[in-house]
Amino acid sequence: MKRTTIHISSAIALLLGLAACTQDEAGFLPEGAEGTPIVFTATGLNPAATAIAGTRAPADGNWEGVQSVAVLMDGTVKAYDVTPSTADPTSATLTSTDPYYWTNHKDITVTAWWPYTAGETTPPAVKVKANQSAQKDFEGSDLIVADGQTVTYGSPTLRFTHRTVRVTIVLTDYTEGLASVRLTGLSTEGDNPDIIVPYDKGSNTYTALVAPQSVAAGTTFITCTFTNGKTFVYKMKNATDWQAGGEYTYTVSLAAAKDLGYTIESNGSYTVTSADGLMNVAELVNGGKTDINITLDKNIDLTGKEWTPIGTSFSNSYTGTFDGGGHTITGLTVTTNDEYAGLFGCLGEAGTVKNVVMEGVQITNNHSSSFAGGVAGFSWGTIENCSVSGSVSGTVYVGGVVGAQWGGTTTGCSSSATVKGMVDVGGVAGQTNGSATLTACYATGNVTLEIDPIKNISGGGLVGFNGGSSVLACYATGNVTSTGSSTGKVHIGGFLGDNYTTVTACYWKNNHEQGFGYKKAGTGTEVTKVDGSVVTWQKAVDAMNNALQNAGSKWRYELNGTLPTLRKQ
């Protein structure tokens, strides 16, 4: 009995051994046969990337949004579902309703990839989208592959790697007016695009997926365009290989792309194209470039801008030529306790301002001895063919065009601005002195004197205190009024407050019967009130034009409306 038992046991052991040998030699059973379903662990994505909710993460280093991958074994492809790990978004579990099975403990060879298109039998070639500006198109350009990997029973892990390259662009310093960012000059091998529109991740960061490639030194690989139409390109400094799975980040300063609002011409002059450009040029002058020539290329709107006058003191007076080109500067606003206020603070002897319309200026100078004017607070240079509207307010030297003109010339200028001040106040100029001349100028704005109680006061429709060398063919129509009283001399006139020089072919029509508040004895004065009957504006125009012609001036008056206007022949 004992021997029989031994024989039976041996037979059973032999049968079991034969069965095991048969299973090992058979390999994998046909699909659907009994066995253990193969469940893979997927790893290998960028662990440094930060998961973003709702994104398709292979592009961002996690599995969120990836629903399935293709798994290739023994010439057969099956789709496996992806379940991201809640503890580690860079890891996922791969399962299938139609899985492969473990039928032995031998290592197996597996290839897997994403994205998967039904019918694929091998991983596709890298082909990215040209427009990756939408998140789905950026992420959809990715290709991750676990290629020919050996998988061990009990630890079926597939390590995926990217077949694409991620290029990240971080823009710094200046992005105002940025219209587009492009990756350019790319390889078209494999029918890939040569230009890619990247995905805007925010915070001036752009990213794109591209095919692996070599980029030669000097290649224009980043192109930025701005809403002003300008394009700025950035070239690869050194030859670079963009390898599969790599991430390459380029921090690009756009400081050079900043639109300064001006261009520098070959002759060294500055052409201004915007309000910021005018402010930047003013800063250059005030920083020491006092002799640069400046030209306006278009109308300038300074509304809402904090203006600092060009040439803030005698020591940095503007000595170049400013040519407005007939363009308009709108909304210049200055409220200051500094001494000089206007488009220009101080205009030097060699300085010229011409051909500019100042519209809607708002100038308030609270300095105790202010120089305030729409064009210039103080000038000993040349002001020609400038006009001013708005308001100018100050204390001592206040004029619609220029606060004080000491030497130099003011020619062909006009002002409709309301002017208010305390001492020397006039529609065009608060004061002229030295060798200063006023030719073919007129003022139509009202003038108000808030009289200083202890100082001598001069106020006039055209000039407050005229101590220059001549006034030729000018007129004034704005009313001149005053408030308060002074223990000093108060001289207020419809045309000039104080006059110490020759006045030729000049006219006024306002609330004053006297053209001069004070006239120095012996000065030649031809100033006449237009009464509309004996003296008409047509007669005034004829007389002023005759005087201008006799003086060799190219300026002439025209009477096309109720008041004369100027033109230059």
Protein backbone atom coordinates (compact mmCIF):
# COMPACT_ATOMS: atom_id res chain seq x y z
CA MET A 1 0.00 0.00 0.00
CA LYS A 2 2.76 2.30 0.75
CA ARG A 3 4.51 1.61 -2.54
CA THR A 4 1.29 2.30 -4.46
CA THR A 5 0.89 5.69 -2.82
CA ILE A 6 4.42 6.62 -3.80
CA HIS A 7 3.81 5.69 -7.42
CA ILE A 8 0.61 7.74 -7.66
CA SER A 9 2.26 10.84 -6.17
CA SER A 10 5.12 10.59 -8.57
CA ALA A 11 2.75 10.34 -11.48
CA ILE A 12 0.87 13.44 -10.42
CA ALA A 13 4.09 15.40 -10.03
CA LEU A 14 5.22 14.26 -13.45
CA LEU A 15 1.96 15.34 -15.05
CA LEU A 16 2.11 18.77 -13.42
CA GLY A 17 5.67 19.24 -14.57
CA LEU A 18 4.74 18.33 -18.14
CA ALA A 19 1.83 20.77 -18.05
CA ALA A 20 4.08 23.59 -16.83
CA CYS A 21 6.61 22.87 -19.53
CA THR A 22 3.90 22.94 -22.17
CA GLN A 23 2.61 26.35 -21.00
CA ASP A 24 6.10 27.89 -20.93
CA GLU A 25 6.87 26.73 -24.38
CA ALA A 26 3.56 27.92 -25.78
CA GLY A 27 4.13 31.60 -24.96
CA PHE A 28 1.02 33.83 -25.02
CA LEU A 29 -2.36 32.30 -25.37
CA PRO A 30 -4.71 33.61 -28.06
CA GLU A 31 -6.71 36.71 -27.25
CA GLY A 32 -9.54 35.94 -24.93
CA ALA A 33 -7.89 32.88 -23.48
CA GLU A 34 -7.58 32.56 -19.77
CA GLY A 35 -4.72 34.38 -18.13
CA THR A 36 -3.89 37.45 -16.13
CA PRO A 37 -4.71 40.81 -17.90
CA ILE A 38 -1.62 42.94 -18.37
CA VAL A 39 -1.94 46.27 -16.56
CA PHE A 40 0.85 48.73 -17.30
CA THR A 41 2.25 51.59 -15.31
CA ALA A 42 3.11 54.56 -17.52
CA THR A 43 5.90 56.92 -16.45
CA GLY A 44 8.63 59.05 -17.95
CA LEU A 45 7.04 62.44 -18.45
CA ASN A 46 8.66 65.62 -17.23
CA PRO A 47 8.47 65.53 -13.43
CA ALA A 48 9.45 69.17 -13.14
CA ALA A 49 6.44 70.43 -15.04
CA THR A 50 3.50 71.77 -13.11
CA ALA A 51 0.19 70.16 -13.76
CA ILE A 52 -2.51 72.52 -14.96
CA ALA A 53 -6.10 71.47 -14.42
CA GLY A 54 -7.86 70.53 -17.61
CA THR A 55 -4.76 70.31 -19.78
CA ARG A 56 -3.54 67.38 -21.83
CA ALA A 57 -0.45 66.88 -19.95
CA PRO A 58 2.17 65.11 -21.93
CA ALA A 59 2.99 68.57 -23.13
CA ASP A 60 2.90 69.77 -19.55
CA GLY A 61 4.34 66.79 -17.72
CA ASN A 62 1.21 64.97 -16.56
CA TRP A 63 -1.44 62.62 -17.97
CA GLU A 64 -4.56 64.70 -17.45
CA GLY A 65 -6.75 64.64 -20.54
CA VAL A 66 -5.01 61.67 -22.24
CA GLN A 67 -7.69 59.00 -22.50
CA SER A 68 -5.93 56.18 -24.35
CA VAL A 69 -2.65 55.00 -25.82
CA ALA A 70 -1.79 52.41 -28.46
CA VAL A 71 0.02 49.28 -27.22
CA LEU A 72 1.82 47.09 -29.75
CA MET A 73 2.72 43.45 -28.93
CA ASP A 74 3.50 40.58 -31.32
CA GLY A 75 2.32 42.59 -34.34
CA THR A 76 -1.04 43.48 -32.76
CA VAL A 77 -2.15 46.94 -31.63
CA LYS A 78 -4.67 47.46 -28.88
CA ALA A 79 -5.97 50.60 -27.23
CA TYR A 80 -5.36 50.95 -23.54
CA ASP A 81 -7.24 53.38 -21.35
CA VAL A 82 -5.28 55.86 -19.23
CA THR A 83 -6.04 56.53 -15.57
CA PRO A 84 -3.76 59.25 -14.14
CA SER A 85 -2.45 58.74 -10.66
CA THR A 86 -4.02 61.07 -8.14
CA ALA A 87 -0.84 61.06 -6.08
CA ASP A 88 1.56 61.61 -8.96
CA PRO A 89 0.17 63.21 -12.16
CA THR A 90 3.32 62.17 -14.05
CA SER A 91 2.30 58.52 -13.57
CA ALA A 92 -0.71 56.65 -14.92
CA THR A 93 -2.23 53.19 -15.06
CA LEU A 94 -2.97 51.63 -18.47
CA THR A 95 -5.85 49.15 -18.66
CA SER A 96 -8.02 47.73 -21.41
CA THR A 97 -11.38 46.02 -21.83
CA ASP A 98 -9.62 43.87 -24.43
CA PRO A 99 -6.25 43.39 -22.81
CA TYR A 100 -3.17 41.38 -23.44
CA TYR A 101 -2.64 38.56 -20.93
CA TRP A 102 0.16 37.23 -18.86
CA THR A 103 0.49 33.54 -19.69
CA ASN A 104 3.97 33.06 -18.27
CA HIS A 105 6.59 34.91 -16.32
CA LYS A 106 8.85 35.73 -19.24
CA ASP A 107 9.82 39.28 -20.19
CA ILE A 108 7.85 40.74 -23.06
CA THR A 109 8.60 43.50 -25.62
CA VAL A 110 6.14 46.38 -25.90
CA THR A 111 5.84 49.55 -27.95
CA ALA A 112 3.25 52.18 -27.03
CA TRP A 113 2.42 55.70 -28.19
CA TRP A 114 0.09 58.69 -27.99
CA PRO A 115 -1.76 60.15 -29.74
CA TYR A 116 -3.20 57.07 -31.41
CA THR A 117 -5.16 56.95 -34.65
CA ALA A 118 -7.16 53.77 -35.31
CA GLY A 119 -5.41 51.60 -37.86
CA GLU A 120 -1.87 52.60 -36.92
CA THR A 121 0.49 49.68 -36.55
CA THR A 122 3.60 51.65 -35.63
CA PRO A 123 4.26 55.02 -34.00
CA PRO A 124 3.77 57.84 -36.50
CA ALA A 125 6.44 60.30 -37.58
CA VAL A 126 6.56 63.64 -35.81
CA LYS A 127 4.34 66.19 -37.51
CA VAL A 128 3.30 69.22 -35.48
CA LYS A 129 0.65 71.82 -36.16
CA ALA A 130 1.54 75.17 -37.71
CA ASN A 131 -0.91 77.04 -35.50
CA GLN A 132 -0.56 76.02 -31.87
CA SER A 133 -2.14 79.16 -30.44
CA ALA A 134 -5.10 77.13 -29.14
CA GLN A 135 -4.26 74.91 -26.19
CA LYS A 136 -5.75 71.83 -27.82
CA ASP A 137 -3.61 72.32 -30.93
CA PHE A 138 -0.47 72.86 -28.88
CA GLU A 139 -1.05 69.72 -26.82
CA GLY A 140 -2.29 67.82 -29.86
CA SER A 141 1.08 68.34 -31.53
CA ASP A 142 2.82 66.20 -28.94
CA LEU A 143 3.94 62.62 -29.59
CA ILE A 144 5.06 60.37 -26.73
CA VAL A 145 6.44 56.86 -27.33
CA ALA A 146 7.63 53.91 -25.28
CA ASP A 147 9.64 52.20 -28.02
CA GLY A 148 10.49 48.46 -27.92
CA GLN A 149 10.66 48.33 -24.15
CA THR A 150 11.21 45.16 -22.16
CA VAL A 151 8.47 44.65 -19.61
CA THR A 152 8.99 42.33 -16.66
CA TYR A 153 6.28 40.23 -15.03
CA GLY A 154 5.29 41.76 -11.74
CA SER A 155 6.61 45.20 -12.78
CA PRO A 156 5.04 46.08 -16.15
CA THR A 157 6.26 49.65 -16.48
CA LEU A 158 6.39 51.62 -19.75
CA ARG A 159 8.60 54.67 -19.77
CA PHE A 160 7.36 57.17 -22.33
CA THR A 161 9.54 59.85 -23.89
CA HIS A 162 8.70 62.76 -26.10
CA ARG A 163 9.44 62.57 -29.80
CA THR A 164 8.82 66.29 -30.04
CA VAL A 165 10.89 69.24 -28.82
CA ARG A 166 9.41 71.93 -26.58
CA VAL A 167 10.60 75.47 -27.27
CA THR A 168 9.63 78.11 -24.70
CA ILE A 169 9.97 81.86 -25.25
CA VAL A 170 9.89 84.28 -22.33
CA LEU A 171 9.58 87.91 -23.37
CA THR A 172 10.84 90.64 -21.03
CA ASP A 173 11.17 94.43 -20.75
CA TYR A 174 8.64 95.58 -23.34
CA THR A 175 5.49 93.90 -24.62
CA GLU A 176 3.25 96.93 -25.10
CA GLY A 177 1.68 96.82 -28.53
CA LEU A 178 2.87 93.25 -29.18
CA ALA A 179 0.71 91.77 -31.92
CA SER A 180 2.20 88.35 -32.57
CA VAL A 181 5.04 85.96 -31.76
CA ARG A 182 6.26 83.36 -34.24
CA LEU A 183 8.84 80.60 -34.40
CA THR A 184 10.39 80.93 -37.82
CA GLY A 185 13.03 79.42 -40.04
CA LEU A 186 12.16 75.86 -38.97
CA SER A 187 13.01 72.66 -40.82
CA THR A 188 10.26 71.39 -43.12
CA GLU A 189 11.54 67.81 -43.07
CA GLY A 190 8.68 65.34 -42.67
CA ASP A 191 6.26 67.97 -43.99
CA ASN A 192 6.56 69.97 -40.79
CA PRO A 193 5.78 73.72 -40.87
CA ASP A 194 8.56 76.28 -41.22
CA ILE A 195 6.58 78.80 -39.14
CA ILE A 196 4.73 77.98 -35.92
CA VAL A 197 2.32 80.19 -33.96
CA PRO A 198 3.03 79.25 -30.32
CA TYR A 199 0.65 78.83 -27.43
CA ASP A 200 0.38 81.86 -25.13
CA LYS A 201 0.67 80.53 -21.58
CA GLY A 202 0.34 84.00 -20.06
CA SER A 203 2.91 86.10 -18.22
CA ASN A 204 4.58 86.85 -21.58
CA THR A 205 5.49 83.16 -21.97
CA TYR A 206 4.96 81.34 -25.26
CA THR A 207 5.60 77.68 -25.96
CA ALA A 208 5.49 75.42 -29.02
CA LEU A 209 6.18 71.81 -29.93
CA VAL A 210 8.49 71.30 -32.90
CA ALA A 211 10.15 68.40 -34.65
CA PRO A 212 13.74 67.57 -33.60
CA GLN A 213 16.17 69.49 -35.79
CA SER A 214 19.41 71.41 -36.00
CA VAL A 215 19.24 75.19 -35.99
CA ALA A 216 22.15 76.99 -37.60
CA ALA A 217 23.77 80.04 -36.05
CA GLY A 218 22.23 83.22 -37.43
CA THR A 219 18.83 81.64 -38.11
CA THR A 220 15.94 84.01 -37.44
CA PHE A 221 13.97 81.71 -35.18
CA ILE A 222 11.84 84.19 -33.19
CA THR A 223 9.89 86.96 -34.92
CA CYS A 224 7.80 89.51 -33.00
CA THR A 225 5.47 91.98 -34.67
CA PHE A 226 3.85 95.03 -33.08
CA THR A 227 0.59 96.86 -33.67
CA ASN A 228 2.51 99.80 -35.08
CA GLY A 229 3.61 97.58 -37.95
CA LYS A 230 7.20 97.15 -36.81
CA THR A 231 8.82 93.72 -36.83
CA PHE A 232 11.70 92.59 -34.62
CA VAL A 233 13.63 89.37 -35.18
CA TYR A 234 15.93 87.35 -32.94
CA LYS A 235 18.62 85.10 -34.33
CA MET A 236 20.19 81.95 -32.95
CA LYS A 237 23.59 82.94 -31.59
CA ASN A 238 25.18 79.51 -31.83
CA ALA A 239 24.34 76.36 -33.77
CA THR A 240 21.95 74.26 -31.68
CA ASP A 241 20.52 70.74 -31.89
CA TRP A 242 16.95 70.51 -30.65
CA GLN A 243 16.71 66.90 -29.58
CA ALA A 244 13.61 64.81 -29.01
CA GLY A 245 12.32 65.13 -25.48
CA GLY A 246 14.33 68.27 -24.81
CA GLU A 247 13.00 71.58 -23.59
CA TYR A 248 14.77 74.75 -24.71
CA THR A 249 13.91 78.07 -23.12
CA TYR A 250 14.87 81.44 -24.61
CA THR A 251 14.50 84.64 -22.62
CA VAL A 252 14.21 87.50 -25.05
CA SER A 253 14.48 91.14 -24.05
CA LEU A 254 12.27 93.40 -26.11
CA ALA A 255 13.92 96.56 -24.82
CA ALA A 256 15.30 97.19 -28.29
CA ALA A 257 11.85 96.70 -29.72
CA LYS A 258 10.37 99.51 -27.69
CA ASP A 259 8.91 102.13 -29.93
CA LEU A 260 10.57 105.29 -28.73
CA GLY A 261 8.23 107.34 -30.88
CA TYR A 262 11.00 108.87 -32.91
CA THR A 263 13.58 108.00 -35.52
CA ILE A 264 17.07 109.39 -35.88
CA GLU A 265 17.82 110.51 -39.40
CA SER A 266 21.14 110.19 -41.19
CA ASN A 267 21.89 113.85 -40.48
CA GLY A 268 21.37 113.32 -36.75
CA SER A 269 17.98 115.02 -36.57
CA TYR A 270 15.02 113.47 -34.75
CA THR A 271 11.67 112.78 -36.39
CA VAL A 272 8.87 112.45 -33.82
CA THR A 273 5.93 110.17 -34.56
CA SER A 274 4.01 109.96 -31.27
CA ALA A 275 3.30 111.64 -27.96
CA ASP A 276 5.71 109.30 -26.19
CA GLY A 277 8.28 110.17 -28.83
CA LEU A 278 7.93 113.88 -28.09
CA MET A 279 8.28 113.20 -24.38
CA ASN A 280 11.32 111.01 -24.99
CA VAL A 281 12.96 113.70 -27.12
CA ALA A 282 12.21 116.30 -24.45
CA GLU A 283 14.01 114.03 -21.99
CA LEU A 284 17.00 113.83 -24.32
CA VAL A 285 17.20 117.62 -24.55
CA ASN A 286 16.84 118.05 -20.82
CA GLY A 287 19.51 115.41 -20.38
CA GLY A 288 22.05 117.45 -22.32
CA LYS A 289 21.27 117.06 -26.05
CA THR A 290 20.17 120.67 -26.22
CA ASP A 291 21.13 121.28 -29.87
CA ILE A 292 19.34 118.42 -31.61
CA ASN A 293 16.94 119.26 -34.44
CA ILE A 294 13.41 117.95 -34.04
CA THR A 295 10.65 117.52 -36.62
CA LEU A 296 7.07 116.40 -36.08
CA ASP A 297 5.91 113.76 -38.55
CA LYS A 298 2.27 113.78 -37.46
CA ASN A 299 -0.19 115.36 -35.05
CA ILE A 300 0.59 114.73 -31.39
CA ASP A 301 -1.97 114.22 -28.63
CA LEU A 302 -0.55 114.89 -25.16
CA THR A 303 -3.90 114.59 -23.39
CA GLY A 304 -3.39 112.88 -20.05
CA LYS A 305 0.41 113.09 -20.32
CA GLU A 306 2.55 114.70 -17.63
CA TRP A 307 4.57 117.16 -19.67
CA THR A 308 8.02 118.42 -18.77
CA PRO A 309 8.96 121.47 -20.88
CA ILE A 310 11.83 121.15 -23.35
CA GLY A 311 14.71 123.15 -21.87
CA THR A 312 14.01 123.52 -18.19
CA SER A 313 16.45 126.35 -17.38
CA PHE A 314 18.94 128.84 -18.81
CA SER A 315 21.71 126.31 -18.45
CA ASN A 316 19.99 123.77 -20.72
CA SER A 317 18.07 126.08 -23.05
CA TYR A 318 17.05 124.48 -26.32
CA THR A 319 19.37 125.61 -29.13
CA GLY A 320 18.25 123.38 -32.00
CA THR A 321 15.45 123.81 -34.54
CA PHE A 322 12.01 122.45 -33.74
CA ASP A 323 9.83 122.22 -36.87
CA GLY A 324 6.24 121.22 -36.26
CA GLY A 325 5.68 120.76 -39.99
CA GLY A 326 2.25 122.37 -39.68
CA HIS A 327 1.12 119.61 -37.30
CA THR A 328 -0.97 120.07 -34.17
CA ILE A 329 0.00 119.33 -30.58
CA THR A 330 -3.17 118.78 -28.59
CA GLY A 331 -3.77 118.79 -24.85
CA LEU A 332 -0.38 119.95 -23.53
CA THR A 333 -0.89 120.35 -19.79
CA VAL A 334 1.59 121.79 -17.29
CA THR A 335 0.88 122.53 -13.65
CA THR A 336 4.11 123.41 -11.92
CA ASN A 337 5.96 125.33 -9.29
CA ASP A 338 9.03 125.44 -11.53
CA GLU A 339 10.09 128.74 -13.03
CA TYR A 340 9.53 127.96 -16.73
CA ALA A 341 6.42 126.48 -18.34
CA GLY A 342 5.31 125.86 -21.93
CA LEU A 343 6.03 123.48 -24.77
CA PHE A 344 9.52 124.86 -24.24
CA GLY A 345 10.72 126.13 -20.90
CA CYS A 346 13.74 128.05 -22.19
CA LEU A 347 14.50 128.67 -25.85
CA GLY A 348 18.15 129.68 -26.35
CA GLU A 349 19.54 132.33 -28.64
CA ALA A 350 20.30 129.79 -31.37
CA GLY A 351 17.01 127.98 -30.87
CA THR A 352 14.06 128.04 -33.26
CA VAL A 353 10.48 126.87 -32.90
CA LYS A 354 8.31 127.04 -35.99
CA ASN A 355 5.26 125.70 -37.81
CA VAL A 356 3.35 124.20 -34.91
CA VAL A 357 -0.25 124.52 -33.73
CA MET A 358 -0.75 124.31 -29.95
CA GLU A 359 -4.37 123.34 -29.38
CA GLY A 360 -6.08 123.23 -25.99
CA VAL A 361 -3.04 124.00 -23.83
CA GLN A 362 -3.59 124.12 -20.08
CA ILE A 363 -0.63 125.84 -18.44
CA THR A 364 -0.55 126.86 -14.79
CA ASN A 365 2.68 128.16 -13.32
CA ASN A 366 2.66 128.90 -9.61
CA HIS A 367 6.29 130.00 -9.29
CA SER A 368 6.69 133.44 -7.68
CA SER A 369 8.55 134.75 -10.77
CA SER A 370 7.13 132.51 -13.46
CA PHE A 371 7.79 132.49 -17.18
CA ALA A 372 4.71 130.96 -18.82
CA GLY A 373 3.73 130.74 -22.50
CA GLY A 374 1.99 128.29 -24.81
CA VAL A 375 5.06 127.87 -27.01
CA ALA A 376 7.81 129.00 -24.63
CA GLY A 377 8.07 130.32 -21.10
CA PHE A 378 11.22 132.26 -21.96
CA SER A 379 12.85 132.88 -25.32
CA TRP A 380 15.80 134.71 -26.74
CA GLY A 381 15.59 132.70 -29.94
CA THR A 382 13.17 132.54 -32.89
CA ILE A 383 9.47 131.68 -32.76
CA GLU A 384 7.69 131.65 -36.13
CA ASN A 385 4.33 130.50 -37.49
CA CYS A 386 2.99 129.15 -34.22
CA SER A 387 -0.54 129.38 -32.86
CA VAL A 388 -1.97 128.68 -29.42
CA SER A 389 -5.41 127.99 -28.01
CA GLY A 390 -6.47 127.07 -24.48
CA SER A 391 -5.35 128.85 -21.32
CA VAL A 392 -2.09 130.13 -19.86
CA SER A 393 -1.81 131.21 -16.23
CA GLY A 394 1.19 132.41 -14.22
CA THR A 395 2.53 135.19 -12.04
CA VAL A 396 5.12 137.57 -13.53
CA TYR A 397 5.78 136.94 -17.25
CA VAL A 398 2.71 135.42 -18.89
CA GLY A 399 1.79 135.36 -22.59
CA GLY A 400 -0.33 133.28 -24.93
CA VAL A 401 2.67 132.43 -27.13
CA VAL A 402 5.69 133.37 -25.01
CA GLY A 403 6.05 134.52 -21.42
CA ALA A 404 9.08 136.72 -22.12
CA GLN A 405 10.96 137.36 -25.37
CA TRP A 406 14.37 138.88 -24.60
CA GLY A 407 16.10 139.35 -27.94
CA GLY A 408 15.28 137.15 -30.90
CA THR A 409 12.04 137.31 -32.88
CA THR A 410 8.40 136.30 -32.70
CA THR A 411 6.90 136.30 -36.20
CA GLY A 412 3.67 135.13 -37.80
CA CYS A 413 2.24 133.87 -34.50
CA SER A 414 -1.23 134.04 -33.00
CA SER A 415 -3.05 133.17 -29.80
CA SER A 416 -6.69 132.71 -28.90
CA ALA A 417 -5.79 131.47 -25.43
CA THR A 418 -7.11 133.12 -22.32
CA VAL A 419 -4.18 134.59 -20.43
CA LYS A 420 -4.04 135.36 -16.72
CA GLY A 421 -1.21 136.74 -14.59
CA MET A 422 -0.11 139.34 -12.06
CA VAL A 423 2.63 141.60 -13.47
CA ASP A 424 3.59 141.50 -17.19
CA VAL A 425 0.70 139.87 -19.01
CA GLY A 426 -0.22 139.92 -22.71
CA GLY A 427 -2.20 138.04 -25.34
CA VAL A 428 0.93 137.06 -27.33
CA ALA A 429 3.80 137.97 -24.97
CA GLY A 430 3.97 138.95 -21.34
CA GLN A 431 7.14 140.94 -21.95
CA THR A 432 9.49 141.77 -24.80
CA ASN A 433 12.90 143.23 -24.06
CA GLY A 434 16.35 143.87 -25.45
CA SER A 435 16.45 143.52 -29.23
CA ALA A 436 13.26 141.46 -29.41
CA THR A 437 10.91 142.02 -32.34
CA LEU A 438 7.27 141.11 -32.87
CA THR A 439 6.15 140.95 -36.49
CA ALA A 440 2.79 139.90 -37.96
CA CYS A 441 1.36 138.57 -34.71
CA TYR A 442 -2.12 138.79 -33.25
CA ALA A 443 -4.10 137.82 -30.15
CA THR A 444 -7.84 137.23 -29.85
CA GLY A 445 -8.03 135.76 -26.35
CA ASN A 446 -9.00 137.67 -23.23
CA VAL A 447 -6.32 138.87 -20.81
CA THR A 448 -6.88 139.10 -17.05
CA LEU A 449 -4.57 140.77 -14.54
CA GLU A 450 -4.76 139.70 -10.94
CA ILE A 451 -2.86 142.73 -9.71
CA ASP A 452 -0.01 142.26 -7.27
CA PRO A 453 -0.52 144.81 -4.49
CA ILE A 454 3.07 146.07 -4.40
CA LYS A 455 4.48 145.67 -7.91
CA ASN A 456 4.37 147.64 -11.13
CA ILE A 457 1.77 146.16 -13.43
CA SER A 458 1.71 145.98 -17.23
CA GLY A 459 -1.09 144.36 -19.18
CA GLY A 460 -2.13 144.52 -22.83
CA GLY A 461 -4.14 142.71 -25.47
CA LEU A 462 -0.92 141.89 -27.39
CA VAL A 463 2.00 142.50 -25.00
CA GLY A 464 2.10 143.46 -21.34
CA PHE A 465 5.49 145.20 -21.23
CA ASN A 466 7.02 146.06 -24.60
CA GLY A 467 10.69 146.94 -24.18
CA GLY A 468 11.95 145.30 -27.38
CA SER A 469 13.14 146.96 -30.56
CA SER A 470 9.94 146.95 -32.65
CA VAL A 471 6.35 145.77 -33.05
CA LEU A 472 5.24 145.58 -36.70
CA ALA A 473 1.83 144.82 -38.23
CA CYS A 474 0.20 143.22 -35.21
CA TYR A 475 -3.29 143.39 -33.74
CA ALA A 476 -5.27 142.42 -30.63
CA THR A 477 -9.00 141.91 -30.01
CA GLY A 478 -9.26 140.18 -26.63
CA ASN A 479 -10.65 142.15 -23.73
CA VAL A 480 -8.18 143.18 -21.03
CA THR A 481 -9.51 143.27 -17.47
CA SER A 482 -8.04 143.49 -13.99
CA THR A 483 -8.83 142.70 -10.40
CA GLY A 484 -7.28 144.17 -7.29
CA SER A 485 -5.01 147.20 -6.85
CA SER A 486 -1.35 148.02 -6.41
CA THR A 487 0.77 150.65 -4.77
CA GLY A 488 3.02 150.45 -7.84
CA LYS A 489 2.39 151.70 -11.36
CA VAL A 490 -0.48 150.01 -13.16
CA HIS A 491 -0.44 150.37 -16.94
CA ILE A 492 -3.16 148.58 -18.88
CA GLY A 493 -3.91 149.13 -22.56
CA GLY A 494 -6.03 147.56 -25.26
CA PHE A 495 -2.87 146.81 -27.28
CA LEU A 496 0.18 147.32 -25.02
CA GLY A 497 0.45 147.90 -21.29
CA ASP A 498 3.82 149.65 -21.35
CA ASN A 499 5.54 150.67 -24.56
CA TYR A 500 9.19 151.72 -24.94
CA THR A 501 9.76 151.06 -28.62
CA THR A 502 8.59 151.70 -32.19
CA VAL A 503 5.15 150.40 -33.09
CA THR A 504 4.19 150.35 -36.79
CA ALA A 505 0.85 149.61 -38.49
CA CYS A 506 -0.79 147.96 -35.48
CA TYR A 507 -4.46 147.74 -34.46
CA TRP A 508 -6.73 146.79 -31.62
CA LYS A 509 -10.42 146.35 -30.93
CA ASN A 510 -11.56 145.49 -27.42
CA ASN A 511 -12.91 146.98 -24.21
CA HIS A 512 -10.20 149.66 -24.00
CA GLU A 513 -10.27 153.08 -25.58
CA GLN A 514 -6.52 153.51 -25.21
CA GLY A 515 -4.09 151.34 -27.11
CA PHE A 516 -1.31 151.98 -24.57
CA GLY A 517 -1.42 151.98 -20.83
CA TYR A 518 1.87 153.91 -20.97
CA LYS A 519 3.92 155.15 -23.92
CA LYS A 520 7.45 156.45 -23.63
CA ALA A 521 7.74 159.90 -25.09
CA GLY A 522 9.42 160.07 -28.47
CA THR A 523 8.60 156.53 -29.59
CA GLY A 524 7.04 156.17 -33.03
CA THR A 525 3.65 154.68 -32.53
CA GLU A 526 1.18 153.73 -35.22
CA VAL A 527 -1.54 151.95 -33.32
CA THR A 528 -5.18 152.44 -34.25
CA LYS A 529 -8.48 151.23 -32.89
CA VAL A 530 -10.75 149.49 -35.40
CA ASP A 531 -14.14 151.16 -34.98
CA GLY A 532 -15.85 149.43 -37.92
CA SER A 533 -16.77 152.63 -39.71
CA VAL A 534 -13.84 154.98 -40.24
CA VAL A 535 -11.30 152.23 -39.56
CA THR A 536 -12.37 148.81 -40.81
CA TRP A 537 -10.54 145.54 -40.71
CA GLN A 538 -10.02 145.74 -44.44
CA LYS A 539 -8.26 149.07 -44.03
CA ALA A 540 -6.21 147.54 -41.22
CA VAL A 541 -5.25 144.56 -43.40
CA ASP A 542 -4.21 146.84 -46.24
CA ALA A 543 -2.06 148.95 -43.95
CA MET A 544 -0.46 145.96 -42.19
CA ASN A 545 0.33 144.24 -45.50
CA ASN A 546 1.85 147.41 -46.90
CA ALA A 547 4.07 147.73 -43.84
CA LEU A 548 5.09 144.08 -44.07
CA GLN A 549 5.96 144.44 -47.73
CA ASN A 550 8.01 147.57 -47.09
CA ALA A 551 9.89 145.67 -44.37
CA GLY A 552 10.69 142.82 -46.77
CA SER A 553 8.53 140.37 -44.85
CA LYS A 554 6.93 137.40 -46.64
CA TRP A 555 4.01 137.40 -44.23
CA ARG A 556 0.63 138.78 -45.31
CA TYR A 557 -2.85 139.11 -43.81
CA GLU A 558 -6.05 137.87 -45.39
CA LEU A 559 -9.58 138.89 -44.46
CA ASN A 560 -11.73 135.90 -45.31
CA GLY A 561 -13.83 136.04 -42.15
CA THR A 562 -14.55 138.57 -39.44
CA LEU A 563 -10.88 138.90 -38.42
CA PRO A 564 -7.61 138.86 -40.36
CA THR A 565 -5.58 135.67 -40.57
CA LEU A 566 -1.98 135.12 -41.62
CA ARG A 567 -0.28 133.36 -44.49
CA LYS A 568 3.30 133.24 -45.66
CA GLN A 569 4.11 133.86 -49.31
